[in-house]
Amino acid sequence: MSTIAFILCGYAALCLTMAAYGWTRPTGGIDPRTQVVVVLGGGARGGQLQPVGQARVAAGVASLGPGQTLHLTGGLAGGGSEAALMAAEAMRLGVESHRITQEHESRTTQQNALFSQPIIGDRAVVIVSDNFHLARAAMLFRGHGYTVTALRGTTYRRGMRRALWFFAREGLSGPINLLRLIAWGLAGGLGASRDWRIRTLT
């Protein structure tokens, strides 16, 4: 029983550490090197953005500076594009369509990073997501070669039950995604193709 309690306490501490790190990392200013503001999808239902997705788009629009591009990334499990819904929201908030790029296929944060690479290239980015999610997102984007100059959180607030669920999710997902990053690099070093690694490791 004491072993189980020890494991549970350790896991709880890990959850709190990961989530607290994500919560404290947002930065207020935007580095002048930034060329692209990347907004990660937050979910959609019935062809409509969820409130968390709307909050992410609003934070991305607020972060957008002169000459910068707003990049929206996210697919939908049932088909369609969350990025397209986010683009419509961004334009409603006043962003011109020519300043928006979209990635429509990703289903995970790691895929957000990988599938956006052909569009973003080597341009420096700021990442916009929930505060809970920022630490893991930054790890994955940096792990896949991006220059991340800043992190921006949203003002969206969840109820206690949902917040606890996100604590647990990030505490578990962070180490798993770190292992996936390591496996991605090792598999590439052994000659595995990018397509195989995407299918297997993301």
C-alpha atoms as a PDB file:
ATOM      1  CA  MET A   1       0.000   0.000   0.000  1.00  0.00           C
ATOM      2  CA  SER A   2       2.813   2.381   0.840  1.00  0.00           C
ATOM      3  CA  THR A   3       4.395   1.688  -2.562  1.00  0.00           C
ATOM      4  CA  ILE A   4       1.161   2.560  -4.358  1.00  0.00           C
ATOM      5  CA  ALA A   5       0.815   5.733  -2.307  1.00  0.00           C
ATOM      6  CA  PHE A   6       4.407   6.668  -3.115  1.00  0.00           C
ATOM      7  CA  ILE A   7       3.802   6.162  -6.847  1.00  0.00           C
ATOM      8  CA  LEU A   8       0.599   8.202  -6.743  1.00  0.00           C
ATOM      9  CA  CYS A   9       2.300  11.013  -4.840  1.00  0.00           C
ATOM     10  CA  GLY A  10       5.181  10.987  -7.303  1.00  0.00           C
ATOM     11  CA  TYR A  11       2.810  11.155 -10.235  1.00  0.00           C
ATOM     12  CA  ALA A  12       0.864  13.992  -8.620  1.00  0.00           C
ATOM     13  CA  ALA A  13       4.107  15.900  -8.082  1.00  0.00           C
ATOM     14  CA  LEU A  14       5.063  15.352 -11.714  1.00  0.00           C
ATOM     15  CA  CYS A  15       1.665  16.601 -12.868  1.00  0.00           C
ATOM     16  CA  LEU A  16       1.958  19.704 -10.736  1.00  0.00           C
ATOM     17  CA  THR A  17       5.507  20.374 -11.907  1.00  0.00           C
ATOM     18  CA  MET A  18       4.656  20.047 -15.589  1.00  0.00           C
ATOM     19  CA  ALA A  19       1.482  22.094 -15.330  1.00  0.00           C
ATOM     20  CA  ALA A  20       3.045  24.775 -13.137  1.00  0.00           C
ATOM     21  CA  TYR A  21       5.952  25.078 -15.560  1.00  0.00           C
ATOM     22  CA  GLY A  22       3.498  25.500 -18.401  1.00  0.00           C
ATOM     23  CA  TRP A  23       1.553  28.057 -16.410  1.00  0.00           C
ATOM     24  CA  THR A  24       4.520  30.268 -15.585  1.00  0.00           C
ATOM     25  CA  ARG A  25       6.219  30.285 -18.977  1.00  0.00           C
ATOM     26  CA  PRO A  26       4.096  32.767 -20.997  1.00  0.00           C
ATOM     27  CA  THR A  27       5.993  35.916 -21.920  1.00  0.00           C
ATOM     28  CA  GLY A  28       4.394  39.286 -22.430  1.00  0.00           C
ATOM     29  CA  GLY A  29       6.489  40.928 -25.148  1.00  0.00           C
ATOM     30  CA  ILE A  30       7.146  39.630 -28.653  1.00  0.00           C
ATOM     31  CA  ASP A  31      10.786  39.291 -29.701  1.00  0.00           C
ATOM     32  CA  PRO A  32      11.526  41.443 -32.788  1.00  0.00           C
ATOM     33  CA  ARG A  33      13.015  38.369 -34.467  1.00  0.00           C
ATOM     34  CA  THR A  34       9.562  36.780 -34.552  1.00  0.00           C
ATOM     35  CA  GLN A  35       8.168  36.374 -38.056  1.00  0.00           C
ATOM     36  CA  VAL A  36       5.266  33.989 -37.456  1.00  0.00           C
ATOM     37  CA  VAL A  37       2.683  33.760 -34.665  1.00  0.00           C
ATOM     38  CA  VAL A  38       1.629  30.097 -34.433  1.00  0.00           C
ATOM     39  CA  VAL A  39      -1.770  29.334 -32.891  1.00  0.00           C
ATOM     40  CA  LEU A  40      -2.360  25.699 -31.922  1.00  0.00           C
ATOM     41  CA  GLY A  41      -5.843  24.246 -32.354  1.00  0.00           C
ATOM     42  CA  GLY A  42      -7.936  23.931 -29.205  1.00  0.00           C
ATOM     43  CA  GLY A  43     -10.868  21.864 -30.399  1.00  0.00           C
ATOM     44  CA  ALA A  44     -14.044  22.286 -32.409  1.00  0.00           C
ATOM     45  CA  ARG A  45     -17.469  20.697 -32.326  1.00  0.00           C
ATOM     46  CA  GLY A  46     -20.318  20.788 -34.817  1.00  0.00           C
ATOM     47  CA  GLY A  47     -18.379  23.021 -37.163  1.00  0.00           C
ATOM     48  CA  GLN A  48     -17.790  25.610 -34.437  1.00  0.00           C
ATOM     49  CA  LEU A  49     -14.687  26.499 -32.452  1.00  0.00           C
ATOM     50  CA  GLN A  50     -14.825  25.635 -28.766  1.00  0.00           C
ATOM     51  CA  PRO A  51     -14.352  28.587 -26.367  1.00  0.00           C
ATOM     52  CA  VAL A  52     -10.756  27.530 -25.740  1.00  0.00           C
ATOM     53  CA  GLY A  53     -10.079  27.664 -29.488  1.00  0.00           C
ATOM     54  CA  GLN A  54     -11.627  31.112 -29.724  1.00  0.00           C
ATOM     55  CA  ALA A  55      -9.449  32.271 -26.832  1.00  0.00           C
ATOM     56  CA  ARG A  56      -6.323  30.960 -28.546  1.00  0.00           C
ATOM     57  CA  VAL A  57      -7.162  32.786 -31.775  1.00  0.00           C
ATOM     58  CA  ALA A  58      -7.837  36.006 -29.845  1.00  0.00           C
ATOM     59  CA  ALA A  59      -4.470  35.694 -28.082  1.00  0.00           C
ATOM     60  CA  GLY A  60      -2.754  35.051 -31.404  1.00  0.00           C
ATOM     61  CA  VAL A  61      -4.354  38.085 -33.018  1.00  0.00           C
ATOM     62  CA  ALA A  62      -3.359  40.224 -30.024  1.00  0.00           C
ATOM     63  CA  SER A  63       0.232  38.981 -30.413  1.00  0.00           C
ATOM     64  CA  LEU A  64       0.468  39.785 -34.120  1.00  0.00           C
ATOM     65  CA  GLY A  65       2.872  42.583 -34.956  1.00  0.00           C
ATOM     66  CA  PRO A  66       3.569  44.532 -38.162  1.00  0.00           C
ATOM     67  CA  GLY A  67       4.850  42.322 -40.965  1.00  0.00           C
ATOM     68  CA  GLN A  68       4.193  39.099 -39.058  1.00  0.00           C
ATOM     69  CA  THR A  69       2.172  36.141 -40.319  1.00  0.00           C
ATOM     70  CA  LEU A  70      -0.533  34.364 -38.319  1.00  0.00           C
ATOM     71  CA  HIS A  71      -0.203  30.593 -38.758  1.00  0.00           C
ATOM     72  CA  LEU A  72      -3.127  28.410 -37.658  1.00  0.00           C
ATOM     73  CA  THR A  73      -2.620  24.680 -37.233  1.00  0.00           C
ATOM     74  CA  GLY A  74      -5.148  21.916 -36.573  1.00  0.00           C
ATOM     75  CA  GLY A  75      -7.228  19.258 -38.273  1.00  0.00           C
ATOM     76  CA  LEU A  76     -10.414  17.590 -37.070  1.00  0.00           C
ATOM     77  CA  ALA A  77     -10.744  13.936 -36.121  1.00  0.00           C
ATOM     78  CA  GLY A  78     -13.983  13.632 -38.083  1.00  0.00           C
ATOM     79  CA  GLY A  79     -12.610  15.370 -41.155  1.00  0.00           C
ATOM     80  CA  GLY A  80     -12.498  19.025 -42.030  1.00  0.00           C
ATOM     81  CA  SER A  81     -10.174  21.670 -40.732  1.00  0.00           C
ATOM     82  CA  GLU A  82     -10.016  23.390 -37.394  1.00  0.00           C
ATOM     83  CA  ALA A  83      -7.441  25.722 -38.939  1.00  0.00           C
ATOM     84  CA  ALA A  84     -10.094  26.968 -41.379  1.00  0.00           C
ATOM     85  CA  LEU A  85     -12.455  27.709 -38.493  1.00  0.00           C
ATOM     86  CA  MET A  86      -9.660  29.556 -36.699  1.00  0.00           C
ATOM     87  CA  ALA A  87      -8.893  31.529 -39.857  1.00  0.00           C
ATOM     88  CA  ALA A  88     -12.511  32.649 -40.094  1.00  0.00           C
ATOM     89  CA  GLU A  89     -12.372  33.755 -36.452  1.00  0.00           C
ATOM     90  CA  ALA A  90      -9.099  35.617 -37.008  1.00  0.00           C
ATOM     91  CA  MET A  91     -10.551  37.469 -39.993  1.00  0.00           C
ATOM     92  CA  ARG A  92     -13.629  38.320 -37.929  1.00  0.00           C
ATOM     93  CA  LEU A  93     -11.215  39.897 -35.447  1.00  0.00           C
ATOM     94  CA  GLY A  94      -9.678  42.009 -38.194  1.00  0.00           C
ATOM     95  CA  VAL A  95      -6.717  40.054 -39.597  1.00  0.00           C
ATOM     96  CA  GLU A  96      -6.378  40.318 -43.380  1.00  0.00           C
ATOM     97  CA  SER A  97      -6.550  36.974 -45.198  1.00  0.00           C
ATOM     98  CA  HIS A  98      -3.168  37.458 -46.888  1.00  0.00           C
ATOM     99  CA  ARG A  99      -1.491  37.482 -43.455  1.00  0.00           C
ATOM    100  CA  ILE A 100      -2.892  34.044 -42.544  1.00  0.00           C
ATOM    101  CA  THR A 101      -1.467  30.607 -43.339  1.00  0.00           C
ATOM    102  CA  GLN A 102      -3.110  27.312 -42.414  1.00  0.00           C
ATOM    103  CA  GLU A 103      -2.186  23.687 -41.741  1.00  0.00           C
ATOM    104  CA  HIS A 104      -5.173  21.353 -41.921  1.00  0.00           C
ATOM    105  CA  GLU A 105      -4.026  17.778 -41.191  1.00  0.00           C
ATOM    106  CA  SER A 106      -2.501  17.626 -37.696  1.00  0.00           C
ATOM    107  CA  ARG A 107      -4.169  15.767 -34.840  1.00  0.00           C
ATOM    108  CA  THR A 108      -1.510  16.161 -32.116  1.00  0.00           C
ATOM    109  CA  THR A 109       0.844  18.862 -30.872  1.00  0.00           C
ATOM    110  CA  GLN A 110       3.801  17.043 -32.384  1.00  0.00           C
ATOM    111  CA  GLN A 111       2.005  16.917 -35.724  1.00  0.00           C
ATOM    112  CA  ASN A 112       1.258  20.648 -35.377  1.00  0.00           C
ATOM    113  CA  ALA A 113       5.019  21.183 -35.383  1.00  0.00           C
ATOM    114  CA  LEU A 114       5.891  18.665 -38.095  1.00  0.00           C
ATOM    115  CA  PHE A 115       3.136  19.473 -40.571  1.00  0.00           C
ATOM    116  CA  SER A 116       3.700  23.229 -40.232  1.00  0.00           C
ATOM    117  CA  GLN A 117       7.389  23.019 -41.147  1.00  0.00           C
ATOM    118  CA  PRO A 118       6.895  23.125 -44.948  1.00  0.00           C
ATOM    119  CA  ILE A 119       4.817  26.292 -44.507  1.00  0.00           C
ATOM    120  CA  ILE A 120       6.859  28.117 -41.860  1.00  0.00           C
ATOM    121  CA  GLY A 121      10.339  27.001 -42.879  1.00  0.00           C
ATOM    122  CA  ASP A 122      13.115  28.447 -40.728  1.00  0.00           C
ATOM    123  CA  ARG A 123      11.275  31.595 -39.651  1.00  0.00           C
ATOM    124  CA  ALA A 124      11.258  32.403 -35.925  1.00  0.00           C
ATOM    125  CA  VAL A 125       7.937  31.809 -34.180  1.00  0.00           C
ATOM    126  CA  VAL A 126       5.939  32.663 -31.102  1.00  0.00           C
ATOM    127  CA  ILE A 127       3.645  29.865 -29.910  1.00  0.00           C
ATOM    128  CA  VAL A 128       0.129  30.605 -28.684  1.00  0.00           C
ATOM    129  CA  SER A 129      -1.841  28.057 -26.656  1.00  0.00           C
ATOM    130  CA  ASP A 130      -3.264  27.473 -23.190  1.00  0.00           C
ATOM    131  CA  ASN A 131      -0.906  28.155 -20.320  1.00  0.00           C
ATOM    132  CA  PHE A 132      -1.196  24.501 -19.300  1.00  0.00           C
ATOM    133  CA  HIS A 133      -0.049  23.413 -22.758  1.00  0.00           C
ATOM    134  CA  LEU A 134       2.785  25.831 -23.472  1.00  0.00           C
ATOM    135  CA  ALA A 135       5.681  23.930 -21.894  1.00  0.00           C
ATOM    136  CA  ARG A 136       4.980  20.756 -23.876  1.00  0.00           C
ATOM    137  CA  ALA A 137       4.292  22.687 -27.083  1.00  0.00           C
ATOM    138  CA  ALA A 138       7.561  24.615 -26.767  1.00  0.00           C
ATOM    139  CA  MET A 139       9.484  21.393 -26.112  1.00  0.00           C
ATOM    140  CA  LEU A 140       8.054  19.769 -29.242  1.00  0.00           C
ATOM    141  CA  PHE A 141       8.526  22.751 -31.536  1.00  0.00           C
ATOM    142  CA  ARG A 142      12.096  23.341 -30.354  1.00  0.00           C
ATOM    143  CA  GLY A 143      12.773  19.610 -30.566  1.00  0.00           C
ATOM    144  CA  HIS A 144      11.783  19.706 -34.223  1.00  0.00           C
ATOM    145  CA  GLY A 145      14.116  22.583 -35.008  1.00  0.00           C
ATOM    146  CA  TYR A 146      12.022  25.720 -34.603  1.00  0.00           C
ATOM    147  CA  THR A 147      13.391  28.959 -33.180  1.00  0.00           C
ATOM    148  CA  VAL A 148      10.777  29.784 -30.531  1.00  0.00           C
ATOM    149  CA  THR A 149      11.188  33.384 -29.413  1.00  0.00           C
ATOM    150  CA  ALA A 150       8.215  33.682 -27.059  1.00  0.00           C
ATOM    151  CA  LEU A 151       5.213  31.871 -25.604  1.00  0.00           C
ATOM    152  CA  ARG A 152       1.783  33.419 -25.234  1.00  0.00           C
ATOM    153  CA  GLY A 153      -1.010  32.039 -23.068  1.00  0.00           C
ATOM    154  CA  THR A 154      -4.732  32.719 -23.232  1.00  0.00           C
ATOM    155  CA  THR A 155      -7.085  34.319 -20.734  1.00  0.00           C
ATOM    156  CA  TYR A 156      -9.422  31.313 -20.917  1.00  0.00           C
ATOM    157  CA  ARG A 157     -10.195  29.776 -17.527  1.00  0.00           C
ATOM    158  CA  ARG A 158     -11.628  26.326 -16.890  1.00  0.00           C
ATOM    159  CA  GLY A 159     -13.585  25.004 -13.941  1.00  0.00           C
ATOM    160  CA  MET A 160     -11.743  23.125 -11.220  1.00  0.00           C
ATOM    161  CA  ARG A 161     -12.589  19.664 -12.571  1.00  0.00           C
ATOM    162  CA  ARG A 162     -11.336  20.477 -16.061  1.00  0.00           C
ATOM    163  CA  ALA A 163      -8.247  22.180 -14.657  1.00  0.00           C
ATOM    164  CA  LEU A 164      -7.361  19.074 -12.660  1.00  0.00           C
ATOM    165  CA  TRP A 165      -7.821  16.934 -15.761  1.00  0.00           C
ATOM    166  CA  PHE A 166      -5.385  19.176 -17.648  1.00  0.00           C
ATOM    167  CA  PHE A 167      -2.879  18.959 -14.798  1.00  0.00           C
ATOM    168  CA  ALA A 168      -2.989  15.167 -15.088  1.00  0.00           C
ATOM    169  CA  ARG A 169      -2.873  15.174 -18.892  1.00  0.00           C
ATOM    170  CA  GLU A 170       0.153  17.438 -19.128  1.00  0.00           C
ATOM    171  CA  GLY A 171       1.951  15.567 -16.363  1.00  0.00           C
ATOM    172  CA  LEU A 172       1.623  12.369 -18.378  1.00  0.00           C
ATOM    173  CA  SER A 173       1.971  13.800 -21.891  1.00  0.00           C
ATOM    174  CA  GLY A 174       5.189  15.721 -21.241  1.00  0.00           C
ATOM    175  CA  PRO A 175       7.404  12.676 -20.540  1.00  0.00           C
ATOM    176  CA  ILE A 176       5.694  10.656 -23.297  1.00  0.00           C
ATOM    177  CA  ASN A 177       6.325  13.392 -25.839  1.00  0.00           C
ATOM    178  CA  LEU A 178       9.936  13.711 -24.708  1.00  0.00           C
ATOM    179  CA  LEU A 179      10.408   9.993 -25.375  1.00  0.00           C
ATOM    180  CA  ARG A 180       8.783  10.414 -28.788  1.00  0.00           C
ATOM    181  CA  LEU A 181      11.207  13.213 -29.620  1.00  0.00           C
ATOM    182  CA  ILE A 182      14.144  11.013 -28.658  1.00  0.00           C
ATOM    183  CA  ALA A 183      12.732   8.120 -30.701  1.00  0.00           C
ATOM    184  CA  TRP A 184      12.183  10.471 -33.658  1.00  0.00           C
ATOM    185  CA  GLY A 185      15.847  11.467 -33.666  1.00  0.00           C
ATOM    186  CA  LEU A 186      17.127   7.920 -33.177  1.00  0.00           C
ATOM    187  CA  ALA A 187      14.902   6.520 -35.922  1.00  0.00           C
ATOM    188  CA  GLY A 188      16.020   9.260 -38.289  1.00  0.00           C
ATOM    189  CA  GLY A 189      19.635   8.465 -37.505  1.00  0.00           C
ATOM    190  CA  LEU A 190      18.968   4.837 -38.411  1.00  0.00           C
ATOM    191  CA  GLY A 191      17.550   5.828 -41.772  1.00  0.00           C
ATOM    192  CA  ALA A 192      13.799   5.681 -41.116  1.00  0.00           C
ATOM    193  CA  SER A 193      11.815   7.873 -43.487  1.00  0.00           C
ATOM    194  CA  ARG A 194       9.927  10.942 -42.342  1.00  0.00           C
ATOM    195  CA  ASP A 195       6.615   9.392 -43.428  1.00  0.00           C
ATOM    196  CA  TRP A 196       7.288   6.232 -41.404  1.00  0.00           C
ATOM    197  CA  ARG A 197       8.217   8.253 -38.335  1.00  0.00           C
ATOM    198  CA  ILE A 198       5.070  10.377 -38.625  1.00  0.00           C
ATOM    199  CA  ARG A 199       2.874   7.273 -38.873  1.00  0.00           C
ATOM    200  CA  THR A 200       4.647   5.487 -36.033  1.00  0.00           C
ATOM    201  CA  LEU A 201       5.904   8.111 -33.604  1.00  0.00           C
ATOM    202  CA  THR A 202       3.328  10.911 -33.598  1.00  0.00           C
END
